N, C-alpha and C. Protein backbone atom coordinates (compact mmCIF):
# COMPACT_ATOMS: atom_id res chain seq x y z
N MET A 1 -4.81 1.67 -20.37
CA MET A 1 -3.36 1.76 -20.17
C MET A 1 -2.90 3.21 -20.39
N LEU A 2 -1.98 3.67 -19.56
CA LEU A 2 -1.53 5.05 -19.65
C LEU A 2 -0.66 5.28 -20.88
N SER A 3 -0.81 6.45 -21.47
CA SER A 3 0.02 6.84 -22.60
C SER A 3 1.40 7.27 -22.09
N PRO A 4 2.40 7.38 -22.98
CA PRO A 4 3.72 7.85 -22.55
C PRO A 4 3.66 9.21 -21.83
N TRP A 5 2.82 10.12 -22.31
CA TRP A 5 2.69 11.44 -21.68
C TRP A 5 2.08 11.31 -20.29
N GLN A 6 1.08 10.45 -20.16
CA GLN A 6 0.45 10.26 -18.85
C GLN A 6 1.44 9.63 -17.87
N ARG A 7 2.24 8.67 -18.36
CA ARG A 7 3.25 8.05 -17.49
C ARG A 7 4.29 9.07 -17.05
N PHE A 8 4.66 9.99 -17.94
CA PHE A 8 5.61 11.05 -17.59
C PHE A 8 5.01 11.95 -16.52
N GLN A 9 3.75 12.34 -16.68
CA GLN A 9 3.09 13.19 -15.69
C GLN A 9 3.04 12.52 -14.32
N LYS A 10 2.70 11.25 -14.33
CA LYS A 10 2.57 10.50 -13.07
C LYS A 10 3.92 10.40 -12.36
N ARG A 11 4.97 10.11 -13.14
CA ARG A 11 6.29 9.98 -12.55
C ARG A 11 6.80 11.32 -12.03
N ALA A 12 6.52 12.38 -12.76
CA ALA A 12 6.93 13.73 -12.33
C ALA A 12 6.25 14.09 -11.01
N LEU A 13 4.96 13.76 -10.89
CA LEU A 13 4.24 14.02 -9.64
C LEU A 13 4.84 13.20 -8.51
N ASP A 14 5.12 11.94 -8.77
CA ASP A 14 5.68 11.06 -7.74
C ASP A 14 7.01 11.59 -7.22
N LEU A 15 7.90 11.94 -8.14
CA LEU A 15 9.23 12.39 -7.72
C LEU A 15 9.18 13.72 -6.98
N SER A 16 8.45 14.68 -7.54
CA SER A 16 8.42 16.01 -6.93
C SER A 16 7.80 15.98 -5.54
N LEU A 17 6.67 15.29 -5.39
CA LEU A 17 6.01 15.25 -4.08
C LEU A 17 6.79 14.40 -3.08
N SER A 18 7.37 13.29 -3.54
CA SER A 18 8.14 12.42 -2.62
C SER A 18 9.36 13.14 -2.08
N LEU A 19 10.07 13.84 -2.94
CA LEU A 19 11.26 14.58 -2.50
C LEU A 19 10.88 15.74 -1.59
N LEU A 20 9.69 16.29 -1.80
CA LEU A 20 9.20 17.37 -0.95
C LEU A 20 8.77 16.84 0.42
N LEU A 21 8.13 15.67 0.42
CA LEU A 21 7.59 15.10 1.66
C LEU A 21 8.64 14.40 2.51
N LEU A 22 9.71 13.90 1.88
CA LEU A 22 10.67 13.08 2.61
C LEU A 22 11.29 13.80 3.82
N PRO A 23 11.74 15.06 3.70
CA PRO A 23 12.30 15.72 4.89
C PRO A 23 11.30 15.84 6.03
N ILE A 24 10.02 15.96 5.70
CA ILE A 24 8.97 16.05 6.73
C ILE A 24 8.73 14.67 7.34
N ALA A 25 8.79 13.64 6.49
CA ALA A 25 8.48 12.29 6.94
C ALA A 25 9.61 11.64 7.73
N LEU A 26 10.86 12.04 7.47
CA LEU A 26 12.01 11.37 8.10
C LEU A 26 11.94 11.35 9.64
N PRO A 27 11.61 12.46 10.31
CA PRO A 27 11.51 12.39 11.77
C PRO A 27 10.45 11.39 12.25
N LEU A 28 9.31 11.32 11.55
CA LEU A 28 8.26 10.37 11.91
C LEU A 28 8.73 8.93 11.67
N ILE A 29 9.46 8.74 10.57
CA ILE A 29 9.99 7.41 10.27
C ILE A 29 10.98 6.98 11.37
N LEU A 30 11.83 7.91 11.81
CA LEU A 30 12.82 7.61 12.85
C LEU A 30 12.13 7.24 14.16
N ILE A 31 11.14 8.04 14.55
CA ILE A 31 10.40 7.76 15.79
C ILE A 31 9.69 6.41 15.70
N GLY A 32 9.06 6.16 14.55
CA GLY A 32 8.37 4.89 14.36
C GLY A 32 9.32 3.71 14.41
N TRP A 33 10.50 3.87 13.80
CA TRP A 33 11.50 2.81 13.80
C TRP A 33 11.97 2.50 15.22
N ILE A 34 12.23 3.54 16.01
CA ILE A 34 12.68 3.35 17.40
C ILE A 34 11.60 2.62 18.21
N ALA A 35 10.34 3.07 18.07
CA ALA A 35 9.24 2.44 18.80
C ALA A 35 9.08 0.97 18.41
N ALA A 36 9.19 0.71 17.11
CA ALA A 36 9.03 -0.66 16.62
C ALA A 36 10.16 -1.55 17.11
N ALA A 37 11.39 -1.03 17.06
CA ALA A 37 12.54 -1.81 17.51
C ALA A 37 12.44 -2.09 19.02
N TRP A 38 11.97 -1.13 19.77
CA TRP A 38 11.83 -1.28 21.22
C TRP A 38 10.83 -2.38 21.56
N GLU A 39 9.69 -2.37 20.89
CA GLU A 39 8.64 -3.34 21.21
C GLU A 39 8.91 -4.73 20.66
N THR A 40 9.46 -4.81 19.47
CA THR A 40 9.66 -6.13 18.85
C THR A 40 11.01 -6.74 19.18
N LYS A 41 11.92 -5.92 19.72
CA LYS A 41 13.29 -6.37 20.01
C LYS A 41 13.99 -6.84 18.73
N GLU A 42 13.59 -6.26 17.61
CA GLU A 42 14.16 -6.57 16.30
C GLU A 42 14.37 -5.28 15.54
N ASN A 43 14.89 -5.38 14.32
CA ASN A 43 14.99 -4.21 13.45
C ASN A 43 13.60 -3.61 13.27
N GLY A 44 13.48 -2.30 13.47
CA GLY A 44 12.17 -1.66 13.37
C GLY A 44 11.66 -1.52 11.95
N PHE A 45 12.51 -1.79 10.98
CA PHE A 45 12.06 -1.77 9.59
C PHE A 45 11.70 -3.18 9.14
N TYR A 46 10.79 -3.24 8.22
CA TYR A 46 10.28 -4.52 7.73
C TYR A 46 10.21 -4.45 6.22
N SER A 47 10.75 -5.45 5.56
CA SER A 47 10.64 -5.50 4.10
C SER A 47 9.97 -6.81 3.71
N GLN A 48 9.16 -6.73 2.68
CA GLN A 48 8.41 -7.89 2.23
C GLN A 48 8.33 -7.89 0.71
N ILE A 49 8.44 -9.05 0.12
CA ILE A 49 8.33 -9.16 -1.34
C ILE A 49 6.90 -8.89 -1.76
N ARG A 50 6.72 -7.92 -2.62
CA ARG A 50 5.41 -7.59 -3.20
C ARG A 50 5.54 -7.62 -4.72
N ILE A 51 4.39 -7.64 -5.37
CA ILE A 51 4.36 -7.69 -6.83
C ILE A 51 4.18 -6.27 -7.38
N GLY A 52 5.09 -5.86 -8.26
CA GLY A 52 5.07 -4.51 -8.81
C GLY A 52 4.61 -4.47 -10.26
N LYS A 53 5.02 -3.42 -10.93
CA LYS A 53 4.64 -3.21 -12.33
C LYS A 53 5.12 -4.38 -13.19
N ARG A 54 4.27 -4.79 -14.11
CA ARG A 54 4.52 -5.92 -15.02
C ARG A 54 4.76 -7.23 -14.27
N GLY A 55 4.30 -7.31 -13.03
CA GLY A 55 4.44 -8.54 -12.25
C GLY A 55 5.81 -8.75 -11.66
N LYS A 56 6.66 -7.71 -11.70
CA LYS A 56 8.03 -7.83 -11.20
C LYS A 56 8.05 -7.70 -9.67
N PRO A 57 8.63 -8.66 -8.96
CA PRO A 57 8.70 -8.57 -7.49
C PRO A 57 9.67 -7.47 -7.05
N PHE A 58 9.38 -6.86 -5.92
CA PHE A 58 10.29 -5.88 -5.32
C PHE A 58 10.11 -5.93 -3.81
N LYS A 59 11.05 -5.31 -3.09
CA LYS A 59 10.98 -5.29 -1.63
C LYS A 59 10.30 -4.02 -1.16
N LEU A 60 9.12 -4.17 -0.59
CA LEU A 60 8.37 -3.04 -0.04
C LEU A 60 8.87 -2.75 1.37
N LEU A 61 9.07 -1.47 1.68
CA LEU A 61 9.58 -1.06 2.99
C LEU A 61 8.45 -0.57 3.88
N LYS A 62 8.47 -1.00 5.12
CA LYS A 62 7.49 -0.53 6.10
C LYS A 62 8.17 -0.46 7.47
N ILE A 63 7.52 0.24 8.38
CA ILE A 63 7.92 0.17 9.78
C ILE A 63 7.20 -1.03 10.38
N LYS A 64 7.90 -1.82 11.14
CA LYS A 64 7.33 -3.05 11.70
C LYS A 64 6.24 -2.71 12.71
N THR A 65 5.06 -3.28 12.53
CA THR A 65 3.94 -3.04 13.45
C THR A 65 3.44 -4.33 14.08
N MET A 66 4.06 -5.46 13.68
CA MET A 66 3.62 -6.75 14.21
C MET A 66 4.83 -7.56 14.67
N LYS A 67 4.61 -8.43 15.62
CA LYS A 67 5.66 -9.35 16.03
C LYS A 67 5.90 -10.36 14.91
N SER A 68 7.12 -10.84 14.81
CA SER A 68 7.46 -11.77 13.74
C SER A 68 6.50 -12.95 13.75
N HIS A 69 6.09 -13.35 12.55
CA HIS A 69 5.12 -14.42 12.44
C HIS A 69 5.24 -15.11 11.09
N LYS A 70 4.68 -16.28 11.01
CA LYS A 70 4.54 -17.00 9.75
C LYS A 70 3.07 -17.38 9.62
N GLY A 71 2.66 -17.64 8.40
CA GLY A 71 1.27 -18.04 8.20
C GLY A 71 0.54 -17.05 7.33
N THR A 72 -0.71 -16.74 7.68
CA THR A 72 -1.56 -15.91 6.85
C THR A 72 -1.02 -14.50 6.69
N THR A 73 -1.25 -13.91 5.53
CA THR A 73 -0.86 -12.52 5.28
C THR A 73 -2.04 -11.59 5.48
N VAL A 74 -3.19 -12.16 5.86
CA VAL A 74 -4.39 -11.36 6.12
C VAL A 74 -4.39 -10.91 7.57
N THR A 75 -4.54 -9.62 7.79
CA THR A 75 -4.51 -9.06 9.14
C THR A 75 -5.86 -8.45 9.48
N THR A 76 -6.37 -8.75 10.67
CA THR A 76 -7.62 -8.16 11.14
C THR A 76 -7.31 -7.14 12.24
N ALA A 77 -8.30 -6.31 12.57
CA ALA A 77 -8.10 -5.26 13.57
C ALA A 77 -7.78 -5.82 14.94
N CYS A 78 -8.25 -7.03 15.23
CA CYS A 78 -8.04 -7.62 16.56
C CYS A 78 -6.87 -8.59 16.59
N ASP A 79 -6.02 -8.55 15.57
CA ASP A 79 -4.89 -9.47 15.47
C ASP A 79 -3.95 -9.27 16.67
N PRO A 80 -3.73 -10.30 17.47
CA PRO A 80 -2.88 -10.15 18.67
C PRO A 80 -1.41 -9.91 18.35
N ARG A 81 -1.01 -10.10 17.09
CA ARG A 81 0.39 -9.90 16.72
C ARG A 81 0.74 -8.43 16.58
N ILE A 82 -0.25 -7.55 16.47
CA ILE A 82 0.00 -6.12 16.31
C ILE A 82 0.47 -5.54 17.64
N THR A 83 1.55 -4.80 17.61
CA THR A 83 2.09 -4.18 18.83
C THR A 83 1.28 -2.94 19.20
N ARG A 84 1.51 -2.43 20.41
CA ARG A 84 0.79 -1.23 20.85
C ARG A 84 1.13 -0.02 19.99
N SER A 85 2.43 0.18 19.75
CA SER A 85 2.82 1.29 18.88
C SER A 85 2.35 1.02 17.46
N GLY A 86 2.32 -0.26 17.08
CA GLY A 86 1.88 -0.64 15.74
C GLY A 86 0.44 -0.24 15.47
N ARG A 87 -0.42 -0.37 16.47
CA ARG A 87 -1.83 0.02 16.29
C ARG A 87 -1.94 1.51 15.98
N ILE A 88 -1.14 2.30 16.67
CA ILE A 88 -1.15 3.75 16.44
C ILE A 88 -0.61 4.06 15.05
N MET A 89 0.51 3.44 14.70
CA MET A 89 1.13 3.72 13.40
C MET A 89 0.25 3.25 12.24
N ARG A 90 -0.44 2.12 12.41
CA ARG A 90 -1.32 1.63 11.36
C ARG A 90 -2.51 2.57 11.18
N ARG A 91 -3.02 3.08 12.31
CA ARG A 91 -4.18 3.99 12.23
C ARG A 91 -3.79 5.30 11.55
N LEU A 92 -2.60 5.79 11.84
CA LEU A 92 -2.13 7.06 11.27
C LEU A 92 -1.36 6.88 9.97
N LYS A 93 -1.16 5.62 9.55
CA LYS A 93 -0.43 5.27 8.32
C LYS A 93 1.05 5.65 8.37
N ILE A 94 1.59 5.84 9.57
CA ILE A 94 3.01 6.16 9.70
C ILE A 94 3.88 5.01 9.22
N ASP A 95 3.39 3.78 9.39
CA ASP A 95 4.17 2.61 8.98
C ASP A 95 4.40 2.55 7.47
N GLU A 96 3.58 3.29 6.70
CA GLU A 96 3.70 3.29 5.25
C GLU A 96 4.72 4.31 4.73
N LEU A 97 5.15 5.24 5.58
CA LEU A 97 6.01 6.33 5.12
C LEU A 97 7.33 5.88 4.47
N PRO A 98 7.98 4.80 4.94
CA PRO A 98 9.22 4.38 4.26
C PRO A 98 9.02 4.04 2.78
N GLN A 99 7.78 3.84 2.37
CA GLN A 99 7.52 3.53 0.96
C GLN A 99 7.80 4.73 0.05
N LEU A 100 8.02 5.89 0.63
CA LEU A 100 8.47 7.04 -0.18
C LEU A 100 9.78 6.70 -0.87
N PHE A 101 10.63 5.89 -0.23
CA PHE A 101 11.87 5.46 -0.86
C PHE A 101 11.58 4.54 -2.05
N ASN A 102 10.57 3.68 -1.91
CA ASN A 102 10.15 2.83 -3.04
C ASN A 102 9.66 3.68 -4.21
N VAL A 103 8.98 4.79 -3.88
CA VAL A 103 8.47 5.68 -4.93
C VAL A 103 9.63 6.36 -5.64
N ILE A 104 10.58 6.88 -4.87
CA ILE A 104 11.74 7.56 -5.47
C ILE A 104 12.53 6.61 -6.37
N LYS A 105 12.62 5.35 -5.96
CA LYS A 105 13.34 4.35 -6.76
C LYS A 105 12.56 3.95 -8.02
N GLY A 106 11.29 4.31 -8.08
CA GLY A 106 10.48 3.95 -9.25
C GLY A 106 9.76 2.63 -9.12
N GLU A 107 9.86 1.99 -7.96
CA GLU A 107 9.19 0.70 -7.74
C GLU A 107 7.71 0.89 -7.43
N MET A 108 7.37 2.07 -6.91
CA MET A 108 5.99 2.37 -6.54
C MET A 108 5.62 3.76 -7.02
N SER A 109 4.34 4.07 -6.89
CA SER A 109 3.82 5.40 -7.18
C SER A 109 3.11 5.89 -5.92
N LEU A 110 2.86 7.18 -5.82
CA LEU A 110 2.09 7.67 -4.69
C LEU A 110 0.66 7.15 -4.75
N VAL A 111 0.12 7.06 -5.96
CA VAL A 111 -1.26 6.60 -6.15
C VAL A 111 -1.28 5.43 -7.13
N GLY A 112 -2.01 4.40 -6.79
CA GLY A 112 -2.13 3.24 -7.66
C GLY A 112 -2.70 2.06 -6.90
N PRO A 113 -2.80 0.91 -7.54
CA PRO A 113 -3.25 -0.30 -6.84
C PRO A 113 -2.25 -0.66 -5.75
N ARG A 114 -2.72 -1.04 -4.58
CA ARG A 114 -1.80 -1.44 -3.52
C ARG A 114 -1.05 -2.69 -3.94
N PRO A 115 0.26 -2.76 -3.65
CA PRO A 115 1.04 -3.94 -4.05
C PRO A 115 0.70 -5.13 -3.16
N ASP A 116 0.42 -6.26 -3.79
CA ASP A 116 0.05 -7.46 -3.04
C ASP A 116 1.22 -8.43 -2.94
N VAL A 117 1.10 -9.34 -2.00
CA VAL A 117 2.07 -10.42 -1.88
C VAL A 117 1.88 -11.37 -3.06
N PRO A 118 2.89 -12.16 -3.40
CA PRO A 118 2.73 -13.12 -4.49
C PRO A 118 1.51 -14.02 -4.27
N GLY A 119 0.81 -14.30 -5.36
CA GLY A 119 -0.37 -15.15 -5.27
C GLY A 119 -1.66 -14.42 -5.57
N PHE A 120 -1.56 -13.10 -5.74
CA PHE A 120 -2.75 -12.31 -6.06
C PHE A 120 -2.58 -11.63 -7.42
N ALA A 121 -1.94 -10.45 -7.42
CA ALA A 121 -1.82 -9.69 -8.67
C ALA A 121 -1.07 -10.45 -9.75
N ASP A 122 -0.06 -11.21 -9.35
CA ASP A 122 0.72 -11.94 -10.35
C ASP A 122 -0.06 -13.09 -10.97
N LYS A 123 -1.21 -13.42 -10.41
CA LYS A 123 -2.06 -14.49 -10.95
C LYS A 123 -3.19 -13.94 -11.84
N LEU A 124 -3.25 -12.62 -12.01
CA LEU A 124 -4.30 -12.04 -12.83
C LEU A 124 -4.16 -12.49 -14.28
N THR A 125 -5.28 -12.62 -14.96
CA THR A 125 -5.28 -13.02 -16.36
C THR A 125 -6.15 -12.09 -17.19
N GLY A 126 -5.97 -12.15 -18.51
CA GLY A 126 -6.81 -11.38 -19.43
C GLY A 126 -6.76 -9.89 -19.17
N GLU A 127 -7.94 -9.26 -19.27
CA GLU A 127 -8.04 -7.80 -19.11
C GLU A 127 -7.64 -7.35 -17.71
N ASP A 128 -7.77 -8.24 -16.73
CA ASP A 128 -7.43 -7.87 -15.35
C ASP A 128 -5.96 -7.51 -15.19
N ARG A 129 -5.11 -7.97 -16.11
CA ARG A 129 -3.68 -7.69 -15.99
C ARG A 129 -3.33 -6.24 -16.25
N ILE A 130 -4.32 -5.43 -16.63
CA ILE A 130 -4.09 -3.99 -16.76
C ILE A 130 -3.66 -3.40 -15.42
N VAL A 131 -4.05 -4.06 -14.34
CA VAL A 131 -3.68 -3.62 -12.99
C VAL A 131 -2.15 -3.59 -12.84
N LEU A 132 -1.45 -4.45 -13.60
CA LEU A 132 0.00 -4.52 -13.52
C LEU A 132 0.70 -3.57 -14.49
N SER A 133 -0.08 -2.74 -15.20
CA SER A 133 0.52 -1.83 -16.19
C SER A 133 1.03 -0.54 -15.56
N VAL A 134 0.73 -0.32 -14.29
CA VAL A 134 1.21 0.87 -13.58
C VAL A 134 1.92 0.43 -12.30
N PRO A 135 2.81 1.27 -11.77
CA PRO A 135 3.44 0.92 -10.50
C PRO A 135 2.40 0.89 -9.39
N PRO A 136 2.53 -0.01 -8.44
CA PRO A 136 1.61 -0.02 -7.31
C PRO A 136 1.75 1.25 -6.48
N GLY A 137 0.70 1.60 -5.75
CA GLY A 137 0.69 2.87 -5.04
C GLY A 137 0.68 2.76 -3.52
N ILE A 138 1.09 3.83 -2.86
CA ILE A 138 0.97 3.92 -1.40
C ILE A 138 -0.50 4.04 -1.03
N THR A 139 -1.24 4.77 -1.84
CA THR A 139 -2.69 4.88 -1.66
C THR A 139 -3.35 4.72 -3.03
N GLY A 140 -4.65 4.68 -3.04
CA GLY A 140 -5.37 4.52 -4.29
C GLY A 140 -6.87 4.46 -4.04
N PRO A 141 -7.68 4.38 -5.09
CA PRO A 141 -9.13 4.37 -4.90
C PRO A 141 -9.62 3.16 -4.11
N ALA A 142 -9.00 2.00 -4.33
CA ALA A 142 -9.40 0.81 -3.57
C ALA A 142 -8.97 0.94 -2.11
N SER A 143 -7.83 1.56 -1.88
CA SER A 143 -7.36 1.78 -0.50
C SER A 143 -8.32 2.68 0.25
N LEU A 144 -8.86 3.69 -0.43
CA LEU A 144 -9.81 4.60 0.21
C LEU A 144 -11.11 3.87 0.55
N LYS A 145 -11.60 3.06 -0.38
CA LYS A 145 -12.85 2.33 -0.12
C LYS A 145 -12.68 1.36 1.03
N TYR A 146 -11.51 0.71 1.08
CA TYR A 146 -11.27 -0.30 2.11
C TYR A 146 -10.30 0.20 3.17
N LYS A 147 -10.43 1.47 3.54
CA LYS A 147 -9.55 2.01 4.58
C LYS A 147 -9.79 1.33 5.93
N ASP A 148 -10.98 0.74 6.11
CA ASP A 148 -11.30 0.02 7.34
C ASP A 148 -11.29 -1.50 7.10
N GLU A 149 -10.44 -1.93 6.18
CA GLU A 149 -10.42 -3.35 5.80
C GLU A 149 -10.17 -4.28 6.99
N GLU A 150 -9.28 -3.90 7.87
CA GLU A 150 -8.96 -4.77 9.00
C GLU A 150 -10.17 -4.93 9.92
N GLU A 151 -10.97 -3.86 10.08
CA GLU A 151 -12.19 -3.95 10.88
C GLU A 151 -13.24 -4.82 10.19
N ILE A 152 -13.33 -4.70 8.86
CA ILE A 152 -14.27 -5.52 8.09
C ILE A 152 -13.92 -6.99 8.24
N LEU A 153 -12.63 -7.31 8.10
CA LEU A 153 -12.20 -8.70 8.19
C LEU A 153 -12.37 -9.28 9.59
N ALA A 154 -12.29 -8.40 10.60
CA ALA A 154 -12.44 -8.87 11.98
C ALA A 154 -13.86 -9.32 12.27
N LYS A 155 -14.82 -8.90 11.44
CA LYS A 155 -16.23 -9.21 11.68
C LYS A 155 -16.72 -10.44 10.95
N VAL A 156 -15.88 -11.02 10.08
CA VAL A 156 -16.32 -12.19 9.31
C VAL A 156 -15.72 -13.46 9.88
N GLU A 157 -16.37 -14.58 9.61
CA GLU A 157 -15.96 -15.86 10.19
C GLU A 157 -14.64 -16.35 9.63
N ASN A 158 -14.45 -16.16 8.32
CA ASN A 158 -13.23 -16.62 7.66
C ASN A 158 -12.61 -15.44 6.91
N PRO A 159 -11.75 -14.66 7.57
CA PRO A 159 -11.19 -13.46 6.95
C PRO A 159 -10.43 -13.74 5.65
N GLU A 160 -9.65 -14.83 5.62
CA GLU A 160 -8.86 -15.13 4.43
C GLU A 160 -9.76 -15.43 3.23
N LYS A 161 -10.80 -16.21 3.46
CA LYS A 161 -11.75 -16.55 2.39
C LYS A 161 -12.51 -15.32 1.92
N TYR A 162 -12.93 -14.49 2.87
CA TYR A 162 -13.67 -13.27 2.52
C TYR A 162 -12.80 -12.33 1.70
N ASN A 163 -11.55 -12.24 2.08
CA ASN A 163 -10.61 -11.39 1.34
C ASN A 163 -10.46 -11.88 -0.10
N GLN A 164 -10.30 -13.18 -0.27
CA GLN A 164 -10.07 -13.75 -1.60
C GLN A 164 -11.32 -13.69 -2.48
N GLU A 165 -12.49 -13.90 -1.89
CA GLU A 165 -13.71 -14.03 -2.68
C GLU A 165 -14.51 -12.73 -2.82
N VAL A 166 -14.33 -11.79 -1.91
CA VAL A 166 -15.13 -10.56 -1.94
C VAL A 166 -14.26 -9.31 -2.13
N ILE A 167 -13.34 -9.08 -1.21
CA ILE A 167 -12.57 -7.83 -1.24
C ILE A 167 -11.62 -7.78 -2.42
N TRP A 168 -10.84 -8.84 -2.64
CA TRP A 168 -9.85 -8.82 -3.71
C TRP A 168 -10.49 -8.61 -5.09
N PRO A 169 -11.55 -9.34 -5.46
CA PRO A 169 -12.17 -9.09 -6.78
C PRO A 169 -12.70 -7.67 -6.92
N ASP A 170 -13.22 -7.11 -5.84
CA ASP A 170 -13.73 -5.73 -5.90
C ASP A 170 -12.58 -4.75 -6.09
N LYS A 171 -11.45 -5.01 -5.43
CA LYS A 171 -10.28 -4.14 -5.61
C LYS A 171 -9.80 -4.17 -7.05
N VAL A 172 -9.79 -5.34 -7.66
CA VAL A 172 -9.38 -5.46 -9.06
C VAL A 172 -10.29 -4.62 -9.95
N LYS A 173 -11.58 -4.70 -9.71
CA LYS A 173 -12.56 -3.92 -10.48
C LYS A 173 -12.32 -2.42 -10.33
N ILE A 174 -12.10 -1.98 -9.10
CA ILE A 174 -11.86 -0.55 -8.82
C ILE A 174 -10.57 -0.09 -9.48
N ASN A 175 -9.52 -0.90 -9.39
CA ASN A 175 -8.22 -0.52 -9.94
C ASN A 175 -8.24 -0.49 -11.47
N LYS A 176 -8.98 -1.39 -12.09
CA LYS A 176 -9.12 -1.37 -13.55
C LYS A 176 -9.77 -0.07 -14.00
N GLU A 177 -10.82 0.33 -13.30
CA GLU A 177 -11.51 1.58 -13.64
C GLU A 177 -10.60 2.77 -13.44
N TYR A 178 -9.79 2.75 -12.38
CA TYR A 178 -8.85 3.84 -12.10
C TYR A 178 -7.85 4.01 -13.23
N ILE A 179 -7.29 2.90 -13.71
CA ILE A 179 -6.28 2.96 -14.77
C ILE A 179 -6.88 3.40 -16.09
N LYS A 180 -8.05 2.87 -16.41
CA LYS A 180 -8.71 3.20 -17.68
C LYS A 180 -9.11 4.67 -17.75
N ASN A 181 -9.35 5.28 -16.60
CA ASN A 181 -9.81 6.68 -16.55
C ASN A 181 -8.81 7.57 -15.81
N TRP A 182 -7.52 7.23 -15.90
CA TRP A 182 -6.51 7.96 -15.14
C TRP A 182 -6.40 9.41 -15.59
N SER A 183 -6.17 10.28 -14.62
CA SER A 183 -5.82 11.68 -14.89
C SER A 183 -4.98 12.19 -13.74
N LEU A 184 -4.15 13.18 -14.01
CA LEU A 184 -3.32 13.77 -12.97
C LEU A 184 -4.20 14.40 -11.89
N THR A 185 -5.28 15.02 -12.32
CA THR A 185 -6.21 15.64 -11.36
C THR A 185 -6.78 14.60 -10.41
N ARG A 186 -7.12 13.45 -10.95
CA ARG A 186 -7.68 12.40 -10.09
C ARG A 186 -6.67 11.91 -9.08
N ASP A 187 -5.41 11.78 -9.47
CA ASP A 187 -4.38 11.38 -8.52
C ASP A 187 -4.27 12.41 -7.39
N LEU A 188 -4.32 13.67 -7.73
CA LEU A 188 -4.24 14.73 -6.72
C LEU A 188 -5.44 14.67 -5.78
N ILE A 189 -6.62 14.39 -6.33
CA ILE A 189 -7.83 14.27 -5.50
C ILE A 189 -7.70 13.09 -4.54
N ILE A 190 -7.19 11.95 -5.04
CA ILE A 190 -7.03 10.77 -4.19
C ILE A 190 -6.02 11.04 -3.08
N LEU A 191 -4.95 11.75 -3.40
CA LEU A 191 -3.97 12.11 -2.38
C LEU A 191 -4.59 13.01 -1.32
N TRP A 192 -5.38 13.97 -1.74
CA TRP A 192 -6.05 14.87 -0.80
C TRP A 192 -7.03 14.11 0.08
N GLN A 193 -7.80 13.19 -0.51
CA GLN A 193 -8.76 12.41 0.25
C GLN A 193 -8.05 11.51 1.26
N THR A 194 -6.87 11.01 0.88
CA THR A 194 -6.08 10.17 1.79
C THR A 194 -5.59 10.99 2.98
N VAL A 195 -5.08 12.19 2.70
CA VAL A 195 -4.55 13.04 3.76
C VAL A 195 -5.63 13.47 4.74
N LYS A 196 -6.79 13.84 4.22
CA LYS A 196 -7.86 14.31 5.11
C LYS A 196 -8.66 13.17 5.72
N GLY A 197 -8.36 11.93 5.28
CA GLY A 197 -8.97 10.76 5.89
C GLY A 197 -10.38 10.46 5.49
N SER A 198 -10.80 10.88 4.28
CA SER A 198 -12.16 10.59 3.83
C SER A 198 -12.19 9.35 2.99
């Protein structure tokens, strides 16, 4: 668990970089929103309830990349619900840029465990609940390992089962290690690795 000083460092990094990046990101967000609205014939922004720090739900902001749907929250690379512009935005991570507002509000961090829909992180027990001791991140060590998650899920017979039994437990393990060994330098390294796509 992070100390008060470490939490201050993390929040300072989040605010300073988010406020610096937002003017650069806004034109991309606007273009993405227009493309999404054009293809889906709906609001180009999408909000979804995710689980945040201490298990508190919040509304995560994204640019819409899929046609409206109900059912599974697991998405594969060949999912027919993904729009043409959505495939591009998902590959370039443009759809994630509105989450800078979540970071500024303090609901998210630039780096941390990815926020999950209800039914995953909020169900953690014992030592695993350390994952909920920090704000969820736009990127993180588990995100880097599973940057091709949609392609991985597209190759298995039961994507939802594989996600629950293989990918999710591994993400919990990775995120626990990240929190226990947190440093400002490591967050900067993860951000750099995310930007350069490694």
